[in-house]
Amino acid sequence: MNQQAIQEAANTIKELQKVQPKTGLILGSGLGVLADEITDAVTIPYGDIPHFPVSTVEGHKGQLVLGELHGVPVLAMQGRFHFYEGWELEDVTFPVRVMKELGIGKLIATNAAGGVDPALNPGDLMLIRDHINHAGANPLRGRNNPELGVRFPDMSEAYPSHLREEAKAAAAELGFTLREGVYVWNSGPSYETPAEVRMLQHLGGDAVGMSTVPEVIAARHAGMDAAGISCISNMAAGILDHPLSHEEVIETTQKVQKQFLALVREWVKRIEKGA
């Protein structure tokens, strides 16, 4: 990955930011509304940042929002980039590299996912305990730049327990129990077949989606702490007898926005106190 490109993008953002963000947020399909709660905000369209891709997916605004989320300096991505859009994984993970260059040490990635575990229900929030890279691709493929991270990064605790404990404490404070599970990354954009979902169940997956894993791998490579949360927007194919659609994904995430917003607000505050 080109270090100069990372620095050029970061320098553009630094010229506009009013606060020093400590936590980076990637907001998935239907979840970008969280950025609307950021105060004293500076909004930067992706197209105005050198070398940034531009999101093409419905429900992704395609802009950075920098400011304070209830007193905590944050940088939020309203919309992400996906492998299935045709971007190289270097492009998909470029914003994470820029976050690191900006001095951000913690990443919270959110997504909408299909429930693979039948015990999950649409509208549940699932804290990601671990992931399975089932897409046959890795953002670290190719020549390694030692300035960005080591050649063979350890992924034995991709989602550090201390961040997960803070999320569970935040949920308890709000009066609900946060489920934990394993997130499976598939390349998309087609949804899985019922046979593929049964396979993922045997592999130990609890939810499946088309994002998050590349960004977390890049964050861990860069030495950042990473955490993830999935909004279970629908049950994966074959679990319920009805067709899947992106419209259903957006509709479900809108229904749970209040709980999602409250959880992330409290989670970010707790992370800040524990820093």
Protein backbone atom coordinates (compact mmCIF):
# COMPACT_ATOMS: atom_id res chain seq x y z
CA MET A 1 0.00 0.00 0.00
CA ASN A 2 1.25 3.45 -0.93
CA GLN A 3 2.35 5.33 2.19
CA GLN A 4 2.34 8.65 0.33
CA ALA A 5 -1.32 8.19 -0.65
CA ILE A 6 -2.22 7.49 2.97
CA GLN A 7 -0.41 10.64 4.12
CA GLU A 8 -2.02 12.79 1.43
CA ALA A 9 -5.50 11.65 2.45
CA ALA A 10 -4.72 12.15 6.14
CA ASN A 11 -3.29 15.62 5.53
CA THR A 12 -6.48 16.70 3.76
CA ILE A 13 -8.55 15.56 6.73
CA LYS A 14 -6.20 17.17 9.26
CA GLU A 15 -6.64 20.55 7.57
CA LEU A 16 -10.39 20.38 8.22
CA GLN A 17 -10.78 18.54 11.53
CA LYS A 18 -11.54 20.45 14.73
CA VAL A 19 -10.86 17.61 17.19
CA GLN A 20 -8.34 14.81 17.47
CA PRO A 21 -10.40 11.63 16.99
CA LYS A 22 -9.53 8.72 19.27
CA THR A 23 -12.02 6.15 17.97
CA GLY A 24 -12.95 5.31 14.39
CA LEU A 25 -16.43 4.09 13.48
CA ILE A 26 -17.42 2.28 10.30
CA LEU A 27 -21.19 2.47 9.92
CA GLY A 28 -22.81 -0.23 7.80
CA SER A 29 -26.07 -0.48 5.86
CA GLY A 30 -28.87 1.46 7.53
CA LEU A 31 -26.67 2.36 10.52
CA GLY A 32 -25.16 5.63 9.30
CA VAL A 33 -27.70 7.62 11.30
CA LEU A 34 -25.31 7.42 14.27
CA ALA A 35 -23.12 10.02 12.57
CA ASP A 36 -26.02 12.48 12.75
CA GLU A 37 -25.51 12.55 16.54
CA ILE A 38 -21.93 13.82 16.23
CA THR A 39 -21.73 17.42 17.43
CA ASP A 40 -19.54 20.27 16.18
CA ALA A 41 -19.18 18.05 13.14
CA VAL A 42 -17.02 18.45 10.07
CA THR A 43 -18.40 16.47 7.12
CA ILE A 44 -16.11 15.51 4.25
CA PRO A 45 -17.49 13.69 1.17
CA TYR A 46 -15.27 10.78 0.16
CA GLY A 47 -14.84 12.35 -3.26
CA ASP A 48 -13.07 15.32 -1.65
CA ILE A 49 -10.38 13.13 -0.04
CA PRO A 50 -7.39 12.17 -2.22
CA HIS A 51 -7.28 8.46 -3.15
CA PHE A 52 -10.55 7.64 -1.33
CA PRO A 53 -12.96 5.33 -3.15
CA VAL A 54 -16.63 6.32 -3.39
CA SER A 55 -19.39 4.13 -1.94
CA THR A 56 -22.04 2.91 -4.40
CA VAL A 57 -24.41 1.00 -2.09
CA GLU A 58 -27.89 2.15 -1.08
CA GLY A 59 -27.94 3.15 2.59
CA HIS A 60 -24.32 4.40 2.51
CA LYS A 61 -24.02 8.21 2.33
CA GLY A 62 -20.33 8.18 1.46
CA GLN A 63 -18.77 10.75 3.77
CA LEU A 64 -16.55 11.16 6.82
CA VAL A 65 -17.96 12.89 9.87
CA LEU A 66 -15.53 14.17 12.51
CA GLY A 67 -16.54 15.65 15.83
CA GLU A 68 -17.67 14.56 19.27
CA LEU A 69 -20.07 11.75 20.10
CA HIS A 70 -21.33 12.71 23.55
CA GLY A 71 -17.99 14.22 24.46
CA VAL A 72 -15.73 11.62 22.84
CA PRO A 73 -13.76 12.72 19.74
CA VAL A 74 -14.57 10.32 16.89
CA LEU A 75 -14.27 9.86 13.17
CA ALA A 76 -17.22 8.08 11.56
CA MET A 77 -17.48 6.61 8.10
CA GLN A 78 -21.05 7.01 6.86
CA GLY A 79 -20.80 4.20 4.37
CA ARG A 80 -18.02 1.76 3.57
CA PHE A 81 -16.51 0.08 0.53
CA HIS A 82 -17.09 -3.56 -0.36
CA PHE A 83 -15.09 -6.14 -2.26
CA TYR A 84 -18.19 -6.96 -4.32
CA GLU A 85 -18.39 -3.41 -5.67
CA GLY A 86 -15.23 -4.15 -7.64
CA TRP A 87 -12.78 -2.41 -5.32
CA GLU A 88 -9.48 -4.06 -4.54
CA LEU A 89 -9.09 -4.92 -0.86
CA GLU A 90 -6.36 -2.28 -0.70
CA ASP A 91 -9.09 0.25 -1.52
CA VAL A 92 -11.59 -1.30 0.91
CA THR A 93 -9.10 -0.97 3.78
CA PHE A 94 -7.58 2.37 2.74
CA PRO A 95 -9.73 4.37 5.21
CA VAL A 96 -8.46 2.23 8.09
CA ARG A 97 -4.89 3.05 7.10
CA VAL A 98 -5.82 6.73 7.05
CA MET A 99 -7.40 6.43 10.52
CA LYS A 100 -4.14 5.03 11.85
CA GLU A 101 -2.22 7.89 10.23
CA LEU A 102 -4.59 10.31 11.98
CA GLY A 103 -3.67 8.81 15.36
CA ILE A 104 -6.81 6.72 15.89
CA GLY A 105 -6.09 3.64 17.98
CA LYS A 106 -9.49 1.94 18.21
CA LEU A 107 -11.90 0.85 15.49
CA ILE A 108 -15.55 -0.13 15.88
CA ALA A 109 -16.95 -1.68 12.72
CA THR A 110 -20.70 -2.19 12.37
CA ASN A 111 -22.64 -4.11 9.76
CA ALA A 112 -25.97 -5.59 8.82
CA ALA A 113 -25.73 -9.39 8.68
CA GLY A 114 -27.81 -12.46 8.07
CA GLY A 115 -28.49 -14.72 11.01
CA VAL A 116 -26.98 -18.19 10.62
CA ASP A 117 -27.64 -19.34 14.19
CA PRO A 118 -31.40 -20.11 14.36
CA ALA A 119 -31.41 -18.77 17.92
CA LEU A 120 -30.85 -15.26 16.55
CA ASN A 121 -33.75 -13.08 15.43
CA PRO A 122 -34.00 -10.16 13.01
CA GLY A 123 -33.32 -7.02 15.00
CA ASP A 124 -30.84 -8.66 17.39
CA LEU A 125 -27.49 -6.97 17.96
CA MET A 126 -24.60 -9.46 17.93
CA LEU A 127 -21.20 -8.56 19.30
CA ILE A 128 -18.53 -10.14 17.12
CA ARG A 129 -16.36 -12.48 19.19
CA ASP A 130 -14.36 -13.82 16.24
CA HIS A 131 -14.61 -14.13 12.48
CA ILE A 132 -14.18 -16.59 9.65
CA ASN A 133 -12.68 -15.25 6.44
CA HIS A 134 -14.64 -17.29 3.89
CA ALA A 135 -14.16 -14.98 0.92
CA GLY A 136 -10.90 -16.47 -0.32
CA ALA A 137 -9.15 -13.09 -0.19
CA ASN A 138 -7.01 -11.13 2.26
CA PRO A 139 -6.19 -7.40 2.31
CA LEU A 140 -2.58 -8.17 3.27
CA ARG A 141 -1.89 -10.21 0.13
CA GLY A 142 1.14 -8.98 -1.80
CA ARG A 143 4.33 -7.23 -0.77
CA ASN A 144 4.26 -6.12 2.87
CA ASN A 145 5.07 -2.54 3.81
CA PRO A 146 6.83 -2.82 7.20
CA GLU A 147 5.92 0.80 7.93
CA LEU A 148 2.29 -0.29 8.10
CA GLY A 149 2.65 -3.56 9.99
CA VAL A 150 4.39 -6.91 10.28
CA ARG A 151 4.33 -9.51 7.53
CA PHE A 152 2.44 -12.10 9.59
CA PRO A 153 0.12 -10.36 12.08
CA ASP A 154 -1.36 -12.37 14.96
CA MET A 155 -5.14 -12.78 14.73
CA SER A 156 -5.61 -14.97 17.81
CA GLU A 157 -7.55 -12.12 19.44
CA ALA A 158 -8.79 -10.12 16.48
CA TYR A 159 -11.54 -8.66 18.67
CA PRO A 160 -9.84 -7.96 22.04
CA SER A 161 -11.78 -9.10 25.08
CA HIS A 162 -11.46 -5.78 26.92
CA LEU A 163 -13.43 -3.97 24.21
CA ARG A 164 -16.05 -6.72 24.14
CA GLU A 165 -16.43 -6.55 27.91
CA GLU A 166 -17.06 -2.81 27.66
CA ALA A 167 -19.76 -3.46 25.04
CA LYS A 168 -21.49 -6.05 27.24
CA ALA A 169 -21.32 -3.68 30.22
CA ALA A 170 -22.84 -0.93 28.08
CA ALA A 171 -25.70 -3.23 27.07
CA ALA A 172 -26.29 -4.24 30.69
CA GLU A 173 -26.43 -0.58 31.67
CA LEU A 174 -29.12 -0.12 29.03
CA GLY A 175 -31.07 -3.12 30.27
CA PHE A 176 -30.49 -5.80 27.68
CA THR A 177 -28.14 -8.73 27.09
CA LEU A 178 -25.84 -8.49 24.10
CA ARG A 179 -25.38 -11.71 22.17
CA GLU A 180 -21.89 -12.72 21.02
CA GLY A 181 -21.03 -14.75 17.98
CA VAL A 182 -18.79 -15.55 15.05
CA TYR A 183 -19.16 -13.46 11.91
CA VAL A 184 -18.47 -15.02 8.52
CA TRP A 185 -17.26 -12.87 5.63
CA ASN A 186 -18.41 -13.91 2.17
CA SER A 187 -17.56 -11.84 -0.88
CA GLY A 188 -21.15 -11.27 -2.11
CA PRO A 189 -23.06 -9.62 -3.67
CA SER A 190 -25.38 -12.62 -4.02
CA TYR A 191 -26.88 -13.93 -0.81
CA GLU A 192 -25.96 -17.43 0.30
CA THR A 193 -27.88 -20.51 -0.76
CA PRO A 194 -29.56 -22.68 1.90
CA ALA A 195 -26.83 -25.31 1.36
CA GLU A 196 -24.12 -22.70 1.93
CA VAL A 197 -25.84 -21.54 5.11
CA ARG A 198 -25.94 -25.11 6.43
CA MET A 199 -22.21 -25.35 5.68
CA LEU A 200 -21.53 -22.13 7.61
CA GLN A 201 -23.44 -23.51 10.58
CA HIS A 202 -21.17 -26.56 10.59
CA LEU A 203 -18.13 -24.28 10.36
CA GLY A 204 -19.20 -22.45 13.52
CA GLY A 205 -20.61 -19.26 12.02
CA ASP A 206 -23.41 -17.37 13.75
CA ALA A 207 -23.93 -14.54 11.25
CA VAL A 208 -22.83 -13.89 7.68
CA GLY A 209 -22.16 -10.70 5.76
CA MET A 210 -20.14 -9.02 3.05
CA SER A 211 -17.87 -6.65 4.99
CA THR A 212 -15.99 -5.93 8.23
CA VAL A 213 -13.36 -8.69 8.12
CA PRO A 214 -11.00 -6.88 5.68
CA GLU A 215 -11.13 -3.71 7.78
CA VAL A 216 -10.49 -5.61 11.02
CA ILE A 217 -7.54 -7.48 9.49
CA ALA A 218 -6.06 -4.16 8.33
CA ALA A 219 -6.66 -2.57 11.74
CA ARG A 220 -4.93 -5.41 13.58
CA HIS A 221 -2.07 -5.30 11.06
CA ALA A 222 -1.71 -1.60 11.86
CA GLY A 223 -1.64 -2.25 15.61
CA MET A 224 -5.13 -0.88 16.26
CA ASP A 225 -7.66 -2.44 18.62
CA ALA A 226 -10.76 -3.56 16.74
CA ALA A 227 -14.33 -4.41 17.69
CA GLY A 228 -17.39 -5.29 15.66
CA ILE A 229 -21.12 -5.47 16.02
CA SER A 230 -23.68 -6.94 13.64
CA CYS A 231 -27.30 -5.95 13.37
CA ILE A 232 -29.09 -9.18 12.43
CA SER A 233 -31.20 -7.75 9.63
CA ASN A 234 -32.67 -11.03 8.35
CA MET A 235 -32.29 -14.76 8.77
CA ALA A 236 -29.99 -16.36 6.21
CA ALA A 237 -31.40 -18.46 3.38
CA GLY A 238 -33.20 -21.66 4.30
CA ILE A 239 -33.84 -20.76 7.96
CA LEU A 240 -37.07 -18.92 7.18
CA ASP A 241 -39.13 -19.64 4.09
CA HIS A 242 -39.06 -16.31 2.30
CA PRO A 243 -36.81 -14.54 -0.23
CA LEU A 244 -34.07 -12.13 0.87
CA SER A 245 -33.72 -8.48 -0.18
CA HIS A 246 -31.63 -5.41 0.60
CA GLU A 247 -34.87 -3.54 1.33
CA GLU A 248 -35.50 -5.93 4.23
CA VAL A 249 -31.99 -5.21 5.52
CA ILE A 250 -32.60 -1.45 5.59
CA GLU A 251 -36.09 -1.84 7.09
CA THR A 252 -34.84 -3.99 9.98
CA THR A 253 -31.87 -1.77 10.81
CA GLN A 254 -34.21 1.22 10.95
CA LYS A 255 -36.37 -0.60 13.50
CA VAL A 256 -33.45 -1.17 15.87
CA GLN A 257 -31.74 2.19 15.40
CA LYS A 258 -32.72 3.47 18.85
CA GLN A 259 -31.14 0.52 20.65
CA PHE A 260 -28.12 0.51 18.34
CA LEU A 261 -27.50 4.24 18.86
CA ALA A 262 -27.79 3.95 22.62
CA LEU A 263 -25.41 0.98 22.73
CA VAL A 264 -22.67 2.59 20.65
CA ARG A 265 -22.94 5.88 22.54
CA GLU A 266 -22.48 4.13 25.89
CA TRP A 267 -19.80 1.80 24.48
CA VAL A 268 -17.69 4.67 23.14
CA LYS A 269 -17.92 6.49 26.48
CA ARG A 270 -16.76 3.38 28.34
CA ILE A 271 -13.88 2.81 25.93
CA GLU A 272 -12.79 6.41 26.44
CA LYS A 273 -12.81 6.04 30.23
CA GLY A 274 -10.80 2.84 30.02
CA ALA A 275 -8.18 4.27 27.63
